[in-house]
Amino acid sequence: MKKLILSILLIILVAHNNFGQFSATFFILSADQDAVSGQLYVQDHLYRMDFHQGGEESIIIIDTKEAKSTILIPAMNMYIENALASDEISNLDPFRLHDYYMSQDLAKDSGYELIEGYNCILYKTTDEDGNELTEWFSEDLNFPIKIEGNLNGGDFLMELKEINESKPEPSIFKVPDDFIPMNNNK
């Protein structure tokens, strides 16, 4: 169950339709789950996360333009595709919450702070359910570099490190030819 919750959280990591292009190491710390780290690759409306959890390699590719996620299972040469419903995602994922809170006029600009060498807008938010979120959002990357808070009663911290603004290879956002679908929920 923990792995499923973390996978859902990672699947919907970002809110914006078009990002910059970069790669970074990501870290997610949560009071109720094991720490996770891995590589994040971002290009326009696509992003990919590579990470290990429980001794297994996992890869998640998100296409925000097509509103779909693809979970690659390298150990089995299989993949799962799922449609993403943006209204559901906004309420489940802290990265996607940026756009949700902005659209609801709940995110309050609290100034600027330098994070990982990027001048970030600091947003503080408390919603009607008592969820609190502090986000350091880089306009240069069009992406949050750090988020911490309390969502649904659990503390968490998500952070990007070692940001490299070179363009990721486009082929990494495609399912390898030798992978077969596990299901077909398009």
Protein backbone atom coordinates (compact mmCIF):
# COMPACT_ATOMS: atom_id res chain seq x y z
CA MET A 1 0.00 0.00 0.00
CA LYS A 2 2.87 2.39 0.87
CA LYS A 3 4.43 1.76 -2.53
CA LEU A 4 1.12 2.44 -4.30
CA ILE A 5 0.61 5.74 -2.45
CA LEU A 6 4.16 6.85 -3.23
CA SER A 7 3.75 5.84 -6.87
CA ILE A 8 0.55 7.87 -7.12
CA LEU A 9 2.30 10.84 -5.54
CA LEU A 10 5.23 10.54 -7.94
CA ILE A 11 3.03 10.00 -10.99
CA ILE A 12 1.50 13.42 -10.60
CA LEU A 13 4.51 15.37 -9.47
CA VAL A 14 4.07 18.51 -11.52
CA ALA A 15 1.26 20.95 -12.29
CA HIS A 16 2.31 23.06 -15.21
CA ASN A 17 1.58 22.43 -18.87
CA ASN A 18 4.95 23.62 -20.14
CA PHE A 19 8.11 23.49 -18.10
CA GLY A 20 11.66 24.47 -18.82
CA GLN A 21 14.11 21.80 -19.79
CA PHE A 22 16.43 20.41 -17.17
CA SER A 23 17.38 17.41 -15.09
CA ALA A 24 17.83 17.20 -11.34
CA THR A 25 18.13 14.84 -8.43
CA PHE A 26 14.94 14.74 -6.38
CA PHE A 27 14.38 13.83 -2.74
CA ILE A 28 11.07 13.11 -1.06
CA LEU A 29 10.92 12.74 2.71
CA SER A 30 7.66 11.86 4.40
CA ALA A 31 6.78 10.99 7.97
CA ASP A 32 4.69 7.99 6.92
CA GLN A 33 6.83 6.60 4.05
CA ASP A 34 10.43 5.71 3.35
CA ALA A 35 12.61 8.44 1.83
CA VAL A 36 12.84 8.29 -1.95
CA SER A 37 15.39 9.84 -4.26
CA GLY A 38 16.05 9.62 -7.96
CA GLN A 39 16.53 11.53 -11.19
CA LEU A 40 14.01 13.94 -12.68
CA TYR A 41 14.10 14.88 -16.37
CA VAL A 42 11.92 17.73 -17.62
CA GLN A 43 11.26 18.95 -21.15
CA ASP A 44 8.33 21.17 -22.17
CA HIS A 45 5.15 19.25 -21.23
CA LEU A 46 6.97 16.00 -20.38
CA TYR A 47 8.77 14.78 -17.31
CA ARG A 48 10.30 11.51 -16.23
CA MET A 49 11.32 10.22 -12.80
CA ASP A 50 13.75 7.33 -12.32
CA PHE A 51 14.04 5.94 -8.79
CA HIS A 52 14.58 2.77 -6.76
CA GLN A 53 12.19 1.64 -4.06
CA GLY A 54 12.19 -1.67 -2.25
CA GLY A 55 15.07 -2.87 -4.42
CA GLU A 56 13.06 -2.33 -7.61
CA GLU A 57 13.76 0.17 -10.38
CA SER A 58 10.78 2.34 -11.28
CA ILE A 59 10.31 4.86 -14.06
CA ILE A 60 7.37 7.19 -14.42
CA ILE A 61 6.78 9.32 -17.52
CA ILE A 62 4.15 12.06 -17.43
CA ASP A 63 2.74 13.84 -20.47
CA THR A 64 0.75 16.83 -19.21
CA LYS A 65 -0.37 17.77 -22.74
CA GLU A 66 -1.94 14.35 -23.32
CA ALA A 67 -2.90 14.07 -19.61
CA LYS A 68 -1.45 10.59 -19.21
CA SER A 69 1.07 8.77 -17.09
CA THR A 70 3.17 5.79 -18.08
CA ILE A 71 4.73 3.57 -15.43
CA LEU A 72 7.61 1.48 -16.75
CA ILE A 73 8.45 -1.78 -14.98
CA PRO A 74 11.94 -2.60 -16.30
CA ALA A 75 12.24 -5.93 -14.43
CA MET A 76 9.25 -7.23 -16.43
CA ASN A 77 9.67 -5.21 -19.67
CA MET A 78 6.11 -3.98 -19.15
CA TYR A 79 4.35 -0.66 -18.81
CA ILE A 80 1.04 0.72 -17.59
CA GLU A 81 -0.64 3.78 -19.12
CA ASN A 82 -3.26 5.78 -17.25
CA ALA A 83 -5.29 8.87 -18.04
CA LEU A 84 -4.78 11.74 -15.60
CA ALA A 85 -7.78 13.72 -14.41
CA SER A 86 -6.46 17.18 -13.54
CA ASP A 87 -9.08 18.01 -10.92
CA GLU A 88 -8.28 14.82 -8.97
CA ILE A 89 -4.55 15.31 -9.27
CA SER A 90 -4.63 18.86 -7.98
CA ASN A 91 -5.97 17.65 -4.67
CA LEU A 92 -3.60 14.69 -4.29
CA ASP A 93 -0.19 15.96 -5.28
CA PRO A 94 1.74 18.79 -3.66
CA PHE A 95 3.52 19.81 -6.89
CA ARG A 96 0.24 20.01 -8.75
CA LEU A 97 -1.26 21.95 -5.88
CA HIS A 98 0.60 25.08 -7.04
CA ASP A 99 -1.79 25.63 -9.95
CA TYR A 100 -4.80 24.55 -7.92
CA TYR A 101 -4.02 26.97 -5.08
CA MET A 102 -3.21 29.76 -7.55
CA SER A 103 -6.55 29.24 -9.34
CA GLN A 104 -8.38 29.37 -6.00
CA ASP A 105 -6.46 32.50 -4.93
CA LEU A 106 -5.14 30.61 -1.88
CA ALA A 107 -1.38 30.88 -2.57
CA LYS A 108 0.07 34.01 -1.05
CA ASP A 109 3.33 35.43 -2.39
CA SER A 110 5.64 35.84 0.60
CA GLY A 111 8.69 37.25 -1.17
CA TYR A 112 11.74 35.69 -2.75
CA GLU A 113 14.42 33.31 -1.60
CA LEU A 114 17.49 31.84 -3.29
CA ILE A 115 17.29 28.03 -3.51
CA GLU A 116 19.89 25.95 -5.38
CA GLY A 117 21.10 29.14 -7.07
CA TYR A 118 17.60 30.06 -8.37
CA ASN A 119 15.65 33.10 -7.27
CA CYS A 120 12.36 31.54 -6.18
CA ILE A 121 9.00 33.02 -5.31
CA LEU A 122 8.04 31.84 -1.85
CA TYR A 123 4.35 30.88 -1.67
CA LYS A 124 2.56 30.02 1.56
CA THR A 125 -0.83 28.39 1.47
CA THR A 126 -3.40 27.10 3.93
CA ASP A 127 -6.56 25.64 2.45
CA GLU A 128 -10.04 25.07 3.89
CA ASP A 129 -9.04 21.53 5.01
CA GLY A 130 -6.10 22.85 7.06
CA ASN A 131 -3.44 21.64 4.62
CA GLU A 132 -0.37 23.87 4.80
CA LEU A 133 2.14 24.20 2.01
CA THR A 134 5.26 26.30 1.53
CA GLU A 135 6.63 26.29 -2.00
CA TRP A 136 9.78 27.75 -3.55
CA PHE A 137 8.83 28.23 -7.21
CA SER A 138 11.44 29.04 -9.88
CA GLU A 139 10.05 31.14 -12.71
CA ASP A 140 13.22 30.37 -14.70
CA LEU A 141 12.41 26.64 -14.64
CA ASN A 142 8.62 27.09 -14.36
CA PHE A 143 8.87 24.47 -11.66
CA PRO A 144 8.89 24.24 -7.86
CA ILE A 145 12.38 23.53 -6.53
CA LYS A 146 11.29 22.85 -2.97
CA ILE A 147 7.98 22.12 -1.26
CA GLU A 148 7.31 21.36 2.37
CA GLY A 149 4.21 21.18 4.42
CA ASN A 150 1.48 19.10 5.88
CA LEU A 151 -1.08 17.46 3.58
CA ASN A 152 -3.86 15.27 4.91
CA GLY A 153 -2.16 15.10 8.32
CA GLY A 154 1.29 14.05 7.09
CA ASP A 155 4.47 16.11 7.00
CA PHE A 156 6.61 15.97 3.86
CA LEU A 157 9.53 17.62 2.11
CA MET A 158 10.25 17.47 -1.62
CA GLU A 159 13.38 19.05 -3.00
CA LEU A 160 15.40 19.25 -6.21
CA LYS A 161 19.22 19.30 -6.11
CA GLU A 162 22.01 19.27 -8.70
CA ILE A 163 19.88 21.04 -11.33
CA ASN A 164 21.34 20.86 -14.85
CA GLU A 165 19.64 23.02 -17.48
CA SER A 166 20.76 21.00 -20.49
CA LYS A 167 18.03 19.47 -22.67
CA PRO A 168 17.30 15.81 -21.86
CA GLU A 169 17.46 13.32 -24.73
CA PRO A 170 13.90 13.16 -26.22
CA SER A 171 14.00 9.35 -26.48
CA ILE A 172 13.90 8.97 -22.67
CA PHE A 173 10.26 10.10 -22.73
CA LYS A 174 9.21 7.15 -24.92
CA VAL A 175 8.32 3.59 -23.96
CA PRO A 176 11.08 1.23 -25.17
CA ASP A 177 10.05 -0.89 -28.17
CA ASP A 178 10.54 -4.17 -26.30
CA PHE A 179 8.10 -3.27 -23.49
CA ILE A 180 4.56 -4.64 -23.61
CA PRO A 181 1.45 -3.06 -22.07
CA MET A 182 0.12 -4.43 -18.79
CA ASN A 183 -3.22 -2.73 -19.29
CA ASN A 184 -4.72 -0.19 -21.62
CA ASN A 185 -6.57 2.52 -19.64
CA LYS A 186 -6.36 5.33 -22.15
